[in-house]
Amino acid sequence: SNEEEIGVVATVSSGKSTLANAILHKRILPAKNKA
């Protein structure tokens, strides 16, 4: 296929969504101290 999947994985509140926001250069994914 022409898609390359990259999974961002971690336990709760390790900073997954914050890392994704940093990669995107846009604060678009909720990043809180809970699930």
PDB file of all heavy atoms in Angstrom:
ATOM      1  N   SER A   1       0.840  -1.193   0.000  1.00  0.00           N
ATOM      2  CA  SER A   1       0.000   0.000   0.000  1.00  0.00           C
ATOM      3  C   SER A   1       0.875   1.244   0.000  1.00  0.00           C
ATOM      4  O   SER A   1       2.075   1.191   0.284  1.00  0.00           O
ATOM      5  CB  SER A   1      -0.912   0.015   1.230  1.00  0.00           C
ATOM      6  OG  SER A   1      -0.174   0.315   2.387  1.00  0.00           O
ATOM      7  N   ASN A   2       0.265   2.381  -0.307  1.00  0.00           N
ATOM      8  CA  ASN A   2       1.031   3.627  -0.359  1.00  0.00           C
ATOM      9  C   ASN A   2       0.943   4.400   0.950  1.00  0.00           C
ATOM     10  O   ASN A   2       1.207   5.590   0.992  1.00  0.00           O
ATOM     11  CB  ASN A   2       0.555   4.509  -1.520  1.00  0.00           C
ATOM     12  CG  ASN A   2      -0.862   5.013  -1.301  1.00  0.00           C
ATOM     13  OD1 ASN A   2      -1.586   4.489  -0.463  1.00  0.00           O
ATOM     14  ND2 ASN A   2      -1.256   6.020  -2.064  1.00  0.00           N
ATOM     15  N   GLU A   3       0.557   3.711   2.031  1.00  0.00           N
ATOM     16  CA  GLU A   3       0.488   4.362   3.333  1.00  0.00           C
ATOM     17  C   GLU A   3       1.518   3.762   4.295  1.00  0.00           C
ATOM     18  O   GLU A   3       1.749   2.561   4.290  1.00  0.00           O
ATOM     19  CB  GLU A   3      -0.915   4.221   3.942  1.00  0.00           C
ATOM     20  CG  GLU A   3      -1.974   5.028   3.207  1.00  0.00           C
ATOM     21  CD  GLU A   3      -3.332   4.966   3.885  1.00  0.00           C
ATOM     22  OE1 GLU A   3      -3.477   4.185   4.858  1.00  0.00           O
ATOM     23  OE2 GLU A   3      -4.241   5.679   3.445  1.00  0.00           O
ATOM     24  N   GLU A   4       2.130   4.643   5.078  1.00  0.00           N
ATOM     25  CA  GLU A   4       3.086   4.223   6.107  1.00  0.00           C
ATOM     26  C   GLU A   4       2.527   4.665   7.453  1.00  0.00           C
ATOM     27  O   GLU A   4       2.514   5.852   7.775  1.00  0.00           O
ATOM     28  CB  GLU A   4       4.454   4.859   5.863  1.00  0.00           C
ATOM     29  CG  GLU A   4       5.490   4.581   6.941  1.00  0.00           C
ATOM     30  CD  GLU A   4       5.966   3.138   6.973  1.00  0.00           C
ATOM     31  OE1 GLU A   4       5.868   2.458   5.937  1.00  0.00           O
ATOM     32  OE2 GLU A   4       6.427   2.692   8.034  1.00  0.00           O
ATOM     33  N   GLU A   5       2.057   3.697   8.249  1.00  0.00           N
ATOM     34  CA  GLU A   5       1.440   4.031   9.525  1.00  0.00           C
ATOM     35  C   GLU A   5       2.486   4.135  10.637  1.00  0.00           C
ATOM     36  O   GLU A   5       3.410   3.333  10.715  1.00  0.00           O
ATOM     37  CB  GLU A   5       0.394   2.983   9.911  1.00  0.00           C
ATOM     38  CG  GLU A   5      -0.907   3.127   9.154  1.00  0.00           C
ATOM     39  CD  GLU A   5      -2.055   2.438   9.880  1.00  0.00           C
ATOM     40  OE1 GLU A   5      -2.686   3.067  10.744  1.00  0.00           O
ATOM     41  OE2 GLU A   5      -2.305   1.272   9.567  1.00  0.00           O
ATOM     42  N   ILE A   6       2.327   5.143  11.469  1.00  0.00           N
ATOM     43  CA  ILE A   6       3.181   5.339  12.639  1.00  0.00           C
ATOM     44  C   ILE A   6       2.279   5.466  13.856  1.00  0.00           C
ATOM     45  O   ILE A   6       1.469   6.399  13.937  1.00  0.00           O
ATOM     46  CB  ILE A   6       4.052   6.599  12.504  1.00  0.00           C
ATOM     47  CG1 ILE A   6       4.915   6.518  11.232  1.00  0.00           C
ATOM     48  CG2 ILE A   6       4.936   6.789  13.737  1.00  0.00           C
ATOM     49  CD1 ILE A   6       5.691   7.787  10.943  1.00  0.00           C
ATOM     50  N   GLY A   7       2.380   4.536  14.793  1.00  0.00           N
ATOM     51  CA  GLY A   7       1.566   4.572  15.998  1.00  0.00           C
ATOM     52  C   GLY A   7       2.266   5.310  17.119  1.00  0.00           C
ATOM     53  O   GLY A   7       3.439   5.057  17.403  1.00  0.00           O
ATOM     54  N   VAL A   8       1.560   6.261  17.743  1.00  0.00           N
ATOM     55  CA  VAL A   8       2.090   6.962  18.910  1.00  0.00           C
ATOM     56  C   VAL A   8       1.459   6.313  20.140  1.00  0.00           C
ATOM     57  O   VAL A   8       0.261   6.425  20.371  1.00  0.00           O
ATOM     58  CB  VAL A   8       1.764   8.471  18.860  1.00  0.00           C
ATOM     59  CG1 VAL A   8       2.463   9.202  20.010  1.00  0.00           C
ATOM     60  CG2 VAL A   8       2.205   9.065  17.526  1.00  0.00           C
ATOM     61  N   VAL A   9       2.278   5.588  20.905  1.00  0.00           N
ATOM     62  CA  VAL A   9       1.787   4.709  21.963  1.00  0.00           C
ATOM     63  C   VAL A   9       2.425   5.076  23.303  1.00  0.00           C
ATOM     64  O   VAL A   9       3.622   5.374  23.364  1.00  0.00           O
ATOM     65  CB  VAL A   9       2.102   3.234  21.621  1.00  0.00           C
ATOM     66  CG1 VAL A   9       1.841   2.321  22.805  1.00  0.00           C
ATOM     67  CG2 VAL A   9       1.303   2.781  20.408  1.00  0.00           C
ATOM     68  N   ALA A  10       1.636   5.036  24.361  1.00  0.00           N
ATOM     69  CA  ALA A  10       2.177   5.234  25.713  1.00  0.00           C
ATOM     70  C   ALA A  10       1.073   5.024  26.719  1.00  0.00           C
ATOM     71  O   ALA A  10      -0.108   4.936  26.371  1.00  0.00           O
ATOM     72  CB  ALA A  10       2.761   6.636  25.873  1.00  0.00           C
ATOM     73  N   THR A  11       1.450   4.939  27.981  1.00  0.00           N
ATOM     74  CA  THR A  11       0.461   4.884  29.048  1.00  0.00           C
ATOM     75  C   THR A  11      -0.119   6.287  29.252  1.00  0.00           C
ATOM     76  O   THR A  11       0.402   7.276  28.737  1.00  0.00           O
ATOM     77  CB  THR A  11       1.100   4.370  30.350  1.00  0.00           C
ATOM     78  OG1 THR A  11       2.268   5.147  30.632  1.00  0.00           O
ATOM     79  CG2 THR A  11       1.504   2.909  30.202  1.00  0.00           C
ATOM     80  N   VAL A  12      -1.197   6.373  30.028  1.00  0.00           N
ATOM     81  CA  VAL A  12      -1.913   7.642  30.210  1.00  0.00           C
ATOM     82  C   VAL A  12      -0.990   8.742  30.751  1.00  0.00           C
ATOM     83  O   VAL A  12      -0.182   8.506  31.644  1.00  0.00           O
ATOM     84  CB  VAL A  12      -3.112   7.434  31.176  1.00  0.00           C
ATOM     85  CG1 VAL A  12      -3.716   8.775  31.588  1.00  0.00           C
ATOM     86  CG2 VAL A  12      -4.178   6.576  30.496  1.00  0.00           C
ATOM     87  N   SER A  13      -1.104   9.944  30.157  1.00  0.00           N
ATOM     88  CA  SER A  13      -0.415  11.164  30.625  1.00  0.00           C
ATOM     89  C   SER A  13       1.096  11.130  30.455  1.00  0.00           C
ATOM     90  O   SER A  13       1.816  11.810  31.182  1.00  0.00           O
ATOM     91  CB  SER A  13      -0.764  11.453  32.096  1.00  0.00           C
ATOM     92  OG  SER A  13      -2.144  11.660  32.239  1.00  0.00           O
ATOM     93  N   SER A  14       1.589  10.354  29.485  1.00  0.00           N
ATOM     94  CA  SER A  14       3.026  10.382  29.201  1.00  0.00           C
ATOM     95  C   SER A  14       3.375  11.424  28.151  1.00  0.00           C
ATOM     96  O   SER A  14       4.547  11.690  27.906  1.00  0.00           O
ATOM     97  CB  SER A  14       3.501   8.998  28.717  1.00  0.00           C
ATOM     98  OG  SER A  14       3.396   8.048  29.744  1.00  0.00           O
ATOM     99  N   GLY A  15       2.346  11.994  27.500  1.00  0.00           N
ATOM    100  CA  GLY A  15       2.598  13.080  26.550  1.00  0.00           C
ATOM    101  C   GLY A  15       2.409  12.714  25.094  1.00  0.00           C
ATOM    102  O   GLY A  15       3.003  13.343  24.217  1.00  0.00           O
ATOM    103  N   LYS A  16       1.564  11.694  24.816  1.00  0.00           N
ATOM    104  CA  LYS A  16       1.365  11.275  23.416  1.00  0.00           C
ATOM    105  C   LYS A  16       0.783  12.395  22.561  1.00  0.00           C
ATOM    106  O   LYS A  16       1.315  12.735  21.511  1.00  0.00           O
ATOM    107  CB  LYS A  16       0.413  10.071  23.345  1.00  0.00           C
ATOM    108  CG  LYS A  16       0.879   8.832  24.039  1.00  0.00           C
ATOM    109  CD  LYS A  16      -0.069   7.674  23.797  1.00  0.00           C
ATOM    110  CE  LYS A  16      -1.512   7.994  24.124  1.00  0.00           C
ATOM    111  NZ  LYS A  16      -1.727   8.343  25.561  1.00  0.00           N
ATOM    112  N   SER A  17      -0.339  12.949  23.012  1.00  0.00           N
ATOM    113  CA  SER A  17      -1.008  13.979  22.219  1.00  0.00           C
ATOM    114  C   SER A  17      -0.172  15.249  22.137  1.00  0.00           C
ATOM    115  O   SER A  17      -0.166  15.930  21.104  1.00  0.00           O
ATOM    116  CB  SER A  17      -2.383  14.285  22.815  1.00  0.00           C
ATOM    117  OG  SER A  17      -3.216  13.136  22.771  1.00  0.00           O
ATOM    118  N   THR A  18       0.566  15.555  23.206  1.00  0.00           N
ATOM    119  CA  THR A  18       1.442  16.722  23.181  1.00  0.00           C
ATOM    120  C   THR A  18       2.552  16.530  22.154  1.00  0.00           C
ATOM    121  O   THR A  18       2.901  17.464  21.413  1.00  0.00           O
ATOM    122  CB  THR A  18       2.055  16.967  24.577  1.00  0.00           C
ATOM    123  OG1 THR A  18       0.998  17.088  25.531  1.00  0.00           O
ATOM    124  CG2 THR A  18       2.883  18.239  24.590  1.00  0.00           C
ATOM    125  N   LEU A  19       3.116  15.327  22.087  1.00  0.00           N
ATOM    126  CA  LEU A  19       4.147  15.036  21.092  1.00  0.00           C
ATOM    127  C   LEU A  19       3.574  15.166  19.684  1.00  0.00           C
ATOM    128  O   LEU A  19       4.209  15.747  18.792  1.00  0.00           O
ATOM    129  CB  LEU A  19       4.718  13.635  21.300  1.00  0.00           C
ATOM    130  CG  LEU A  19       5.798  13.241  20.292  1.00  0.00           C
ATOM    131  CD1 LEU A  19       7.076  14.011  20.533  1.00  0.00           C
ATOM    132  CD2 LEU A  19       6.077  11.747  20.323  1.00  0.00           C
ATOM    133  N   ALA A  20       2.363  14.628  19.480  1.00  0.00           N
ATOM    134  CA  ALA A  20       1.727  14.739  18.165  1.00  0.00           C
ATOM    135  C   ALA A  20       1.514  16.203  17.798  1.00  0.00           C
ATOM    136  O   ALA A  20       1.747  16.610  16.650  1.00  0.00           O
ATOM    137  CB  ALA A  20       0.402  13.980  18.154  1.00  0.00           C
ATOM    138  N   ASN A  21       1.079  17.020  18.765  1.00  0.00           N
ATOM    139  CA  ASN A  21       0.903  18.455  18.510  1.00  0.00           C
ATOM    140  C   ASN A  21       2.219  19.118  18.111  1.00  0.00           C
ATOM    141  O   ASN A  21       2.258  19.978  17.223  1.00  0.00           O
ATOM    142  CB  ASN A  21       0.338  19.150  19.753  1.00  0.00           C
ATOM    143  CG  ASN A  21      -1.140  18.864  19.970  1.00  0.00           C
ATOM    144  OD1 ASN A  21      -1.867  18.567  19.024  1.00  0.00           O
ATOM    145  ND2 ASN A  21      -1.590  18.950  21.216  1.00  0.00           N
ATOM    146  N   ALA A  22       3.308  18.715  18.775  1.00  0.00           N
ATOM    147  CA  ALA A  22       4.622  19.279  18.445  1.00  0.00           C
ATOM    148  C   ALA A  22       5.028  18.896  17.028  1.00  0.00           C
ATOM    149  O   ALA A  22       5.593  19.711  16.286  1.00  0.00           O
ATOM    150  CB  ALA A  22       5.665  18.799  19.456  1.00  0.00           C
ATOM    151  N   ILE A  23       4.746  17.651  16.638  1.00  0.00           N
ATOM    152  CA  ILE A  23       5.068  17.191  15.287  1.00  0.00           C
ATOM    153  C   ILE A  23       4.239  17.946  14.250  1.00  0.00           C
ATOM    154  O   ILE A  23       4.726  18.316  13.180  1.00  0.00           O
ATOM    155  CB  ILE A  23       4.832  15.669  15.171  1.00  0.00           C
ATOM    156  CG1 ILE A  23       5.864  14.908  16.011  1.00  0.00           C
ATOM    157  CG2 ILE A  23       4.918  15.211  13.716  1.00  0.00           C
ATOM    158  CD1 ILE A  23       5.590  13.422  16.139  1.00  0.00           C
ATOM    159  N   LEU A  24       2.961  18.202  14.582  1.00  0.00           N
ATOM    160  CA  LEU A  24       2.055  18.885  13.653  1.00  0.00           C
ATOM    161  C   LEU A  24       2.286  20.390  13.607  1.00  0.00           C
ATOM    162  O   LEU A  24       1.769  21.065  12.710  1.00  0.00           O
ATOM    163  CB  LEU A  24       0.598  18.622  14.053  1.00  0.00           C
ATOM    164  CG  LEU A  24       0.119  17.173  14.068  1.00  0.00           C
ATOM    165  CD1 LEU A  24      -1.330  17.109  14.514  1.00  0.00           C
ATOM    166  CD2 LEU A  24       0.279  16.535  12.692  1.00  0.00           C
ATOM    167  N   HIS A  25       3.043  20.937  14.583  1.00  0.00           N
ATOM    168  CA  HIS A  25       3.225  22.394  14.706  1.00  0.00           C
ATOM    169  C   HIS A  25       1.880  23.080  14.951  1.00  0.00           C
ATOM    170  O   HIS A  25       1.683  24.238  14.571  1.00  0.00           O
ATOM    171  CB  HIS A  25       3.877  22.986  13.450  1.00  0.00           C
ATOM    172  CG  HIS A  25       5.322  22.634  13.290  1.00  0.00           C
ATOM    173  ND1 HIS A  25       6.228  23.444  12.659  1.00  0.00           N
ATOM    174  CD2 HIS A  25       6.024  21.534  13.663  1.00  0.00           C
ATOM    175  CE1 HIS A  25       7.419  22.881  12.661  1.00  0.00           C
ATOM    176  NE2 HIS A  25       7.311  21.710  13.264  1.00  0.00           N
ATOM    177  N   LYS A  26       0.967  22.392  15.600  1.00  0.00           N
ATOM    178  CA  LYS A  26      -0.366  22.952  15.833  1.00  0.00           C
ATOM    179  C   LYS A  26      -0.981  22.285  17.058  1.00  0.00           C
ATOM    180  O   LYS A  26      -1.022  21.063  17.149  1.00  0.00           O
ATOM    181  CB  LYS A  26      -1.256  22.715  14.608  1.00  0.00           C
ATOM    182  CG  LYS A  26      -2.566  23.488  14.633  1.00  0.00           C
ATOM    183  CD  LYS A  26      -3.275  23.349  13.294  1.00  0.00           C
ATOM    184  CE  LYS A  26      -4.559  24.156  13.269  1.00  0.00           C
ATOM    185  NZ  LYS A  26      -4.324  25.605  13.324  1.00  0.00           N
ATOM    186  N   ARG A  27      -1.465  23.096  17.998  1.00  0.00           N
ATOM    187  CA  ARG A  27      -2.089  22.547  19.213  1.00  0.00           C
ATOM    188  C   ARG A  27      -3.545  22.216  18.885  1.00  0.00           C
ATOM    189  O   ARG A  27      -4.447  23.026  19.071  1.00  0.00           O
ATOM    190  CB  ARG A  27      -1.984  23.547  20.354  1.00  0.00           C
ATOM    191  CG  ARG A  27      -0.550  23.803  20.796  1.00  0.00           C
ATOM    192  CD  ARG A  27      -0.491  24.823  21.900  1.00  0.00           C
ATOM    193  NE  ARG A  27      -1.021  24.268  23.136  1.00  0.00           N
ATOM    194  CZ  ARG A  27      -1.543  25.013  24.108  1.00  0.00           C
ATOM    195  NH1 ARG A  27      -1.653  26.317  23.956  1.00  0.00           N
ATOM    196  NH2 ARG A  27      -1.986  24.449  25.212  1.00  0.00           N
ATOM    197  N   ILE A  28      -3.723  21.003  18.412  1.00  0.00           N
ATOM    198  CA  ILE A  28      -5.040  20.611  17.906  1.00  0.00           C
ATOM    199  C   ILE A  28      -5.615  19.402  18.641  1.00  0.00           C
ATOM    200  O   ILE A  28      -6.828  19.214  18.696  1.00  0.00           O
ATOM    201  CB  ILE A  28      -4.933  20.342  16.389  1.00  0.00           C
ATOM    202  CG1 ILE A  28      -6.299  20.323  15.724  1.00  0.00           C
ATOM    203  CG2 ILE A  28      -4.173  19.059  16.120  1.00  0.00           C
ATOM    204  CD1 ILE A  28      -6.204  20.264  14.218  1.00  0.00           C
ATOM    205  N   LEU A  29      -4.731  18.563  19.245  1.00  0.00           N
ATOM    206  CA  LEU A  29      -5.178  17.379  19.963  1.00  0.00           C
ATOM    207  C   LEU A  29      -5.220  17.679  21.461  1.00  0.00           C
ATOM    208  O   LEU A  29      -4.258  18.226  22.006  1.00  0.00           O
ATOM    209  CB  LEU A  29      -4.243  16.199  19.697  1.00  0.00           C
ATOM    210  CG  LEU A  29      -4.135  15.761  18.240  1.00  0.00           C
ATOM    211  CD1 LEU A  29      -3.047  14.719  18.085  1.00  0.00           C
ATOM    212  CD2 LEU A  29      -5.451  15.209  17.740  1.00  0.00           C
ATOM    213  N   PRO A  30      -6.314  17.347  22.147  1.00  0.00           N
ATOM    214  CA  PRO A  30      -6.412  17.600  23.592  1.00  0.00           C
ATOM    215  C   PRO A  30      -5.282  16.904  24.348  1.00  0.00           C
ATOM    216  O   PRO A  30      -5.018  15.724  24.120  1.00  0.00           O
ATOM    217  CB  PRO A  30      -7.772  17.018  23.971  1.00  0.00           C
ATOM    218  CG  PRO A  30      -8.552  17.010  22.693  1.00  0.00           C
ATOM    219  CD  PRO A  30      -7.544  16.749  21.603  1.00  0.00           C
ATOM    220  N   ALA A  31      -4.619  17.646  25.219  1.00  0.00           N
ATOM    221  CA  ALA A  31      -3.513  17.094  26.010  1.00  0.00           C
ATOM    222  C   ALA A  31      -3.725  17.516  27.458  1.00  0.00           C
ATOM    223  O   ALA A  31      -3.404  18.637  27.842  1.00  0.00           O
ATOM    224  CB  ALA A  31      -2.177  17.607  25.483  1.00  0.00           C
ATOM    225  N   LYS A  32      -4.265  16.605  28.264  1.00  0.00           N
ATOM    226  CA  LYS A  32      -4.581  16.900  29.660  1.00  0.00           C
ATOM    227  C   LYS A  32      -3.984  15.830  30.556  1.00  0.00           C
ATOM    228  O   LYS A  32      -3.531  14.790  30.083  1.00  0.00           O
ATOM    229  CB  LYS A  32      -6.107  16.952  29.853  1.00  0.00           C
ATOM    230  CG  LYS A  32      -6.811  17.917  28.903  1.00  0.00           C
ATOM    231  CD  LYS A  32      -8.318  17.811  29.020  1.00  0.00           C
ATOM    232  CE  LYS A  32      -9.031  18.692  27.998  1.00  0.00           C
ATOM    233  NZ  LYS A  32     -10.502  18.537  28.049  1.00  0.00           N
ATOM    234  N   ASN A  33      -3.999  16.062  31.859  1.00  0.00           N
ATOM    235  CA  ASN A  33      -3.455  15.093  32.813  1.00  0.00           C
ATOM    236  C   ASN A  33      -4.475  14.005  33.136  1.00  0.00           C
ATOM    237  O   ASN A  33      -4.710  13.666  34.286  1.00  0.00           O
ATOM    238  CB  ASN A  33      -3.007  15.799  34.094  1.00  0.00           C
ATOM    239  CG  ASN A  33      -1.785  16.652  33.854  1.00  0.00           C
ATOM    240  OD1 ASN A  33      -0.881  16.237  33.133  1.00  0.00           O
ATOM    241  ND2 ASN A  33      -1.757  17.837  34.424  1.00  0.00           N
ATOM    242  N   LYS A  34      -5.091  13.490  32.108  1.00  0.00           N
ATOM    243  CA  LYS A  34      -6.023  12.365  32.231  1.00  0.00           C
ATOM    244  C   LYS A  34      -6.173  11.766  30.846  1.00  0.00           C
ATOM    245  O   LYS A  34      -5.639  12.298  29.868  1.00  0.00           O
ATOM    246  CB  LYS A  34      -7.374  12.827  32.772  1.00  0.00           C
ATOM    247  CG  LYS A  34      -8.090  13.822  31.874  1.00  0.00           C
ATOM    248  CD  LYS A  34      -9.448  14.199  32.449  1.00  0.00           C
ATOM    249  CE  LYS A  34     -10.187  15.171  31.520  1.00  0.00           C
ATOM    250  NZ  LYS A  34     -11.529  15.505  32.039  1.00  0.00           N
ATOM    251  N   ALA A  35      -6.896  10.648  30.753  1.00  0.00           N
ATOM    252  CA  ALA A  35      -7.105  10.019  29.450  1.00  0.00           C
ATOM    253  C   ALA A  35      -7.972  10.926  28.587  1.00  0.00           C
ATOM    254  O   ALA A  35      -9.129  11.178  28.906  1.00  0.00           O
ATOM    255  CB  ALA A  35      -7.774   8.660  29.623  1.00  0.00           C
TER     256      ALA A  35
END
